[in-house]
């Protein structure tokens, strides 16, 4: 299982605050959240844990600064070990991602992240494998015909 353990290291308050300030200054989280709200349909279930794009981006930046590879599994592991004050710093006040089982929690995290990024990925519904030009044209035609 890809994320059956937590990160063995913890970000310092200063390093995380510096990364959070950089991410907030870029203002990408609120921009993507606003676009997602506009594209969102009715329904859905409440999530177990409410992640934020600011948290994901801040932790990924911190992991990069720490000299590690910022994979999504590593981001998930690092978010799980953040203290409550650090979670509040990245917009996840009141959340406790560490109480959920790492395996299913990771799957939920990745599903949430894919939904968030779908607004900036116009080909999210297309397969991530090599296909012929003819197949690609058929898929695009089917998208516009519907």
Foldseek 3Di string as FASTA:
>chain_A
DLQQAADPDADDPVLLLVLLVVLVVVVPQVVLVVLLVVVDDDDDDDDLFDDGPSLLRSLLVSCVVVVHHSDLSNSLRHVQPDDQVSCVSSPRHPGHLVVDRGPVSSVSVVVVVLSSCCSVDVCSVPDPDDDDPVVVVVVVVVVVVD
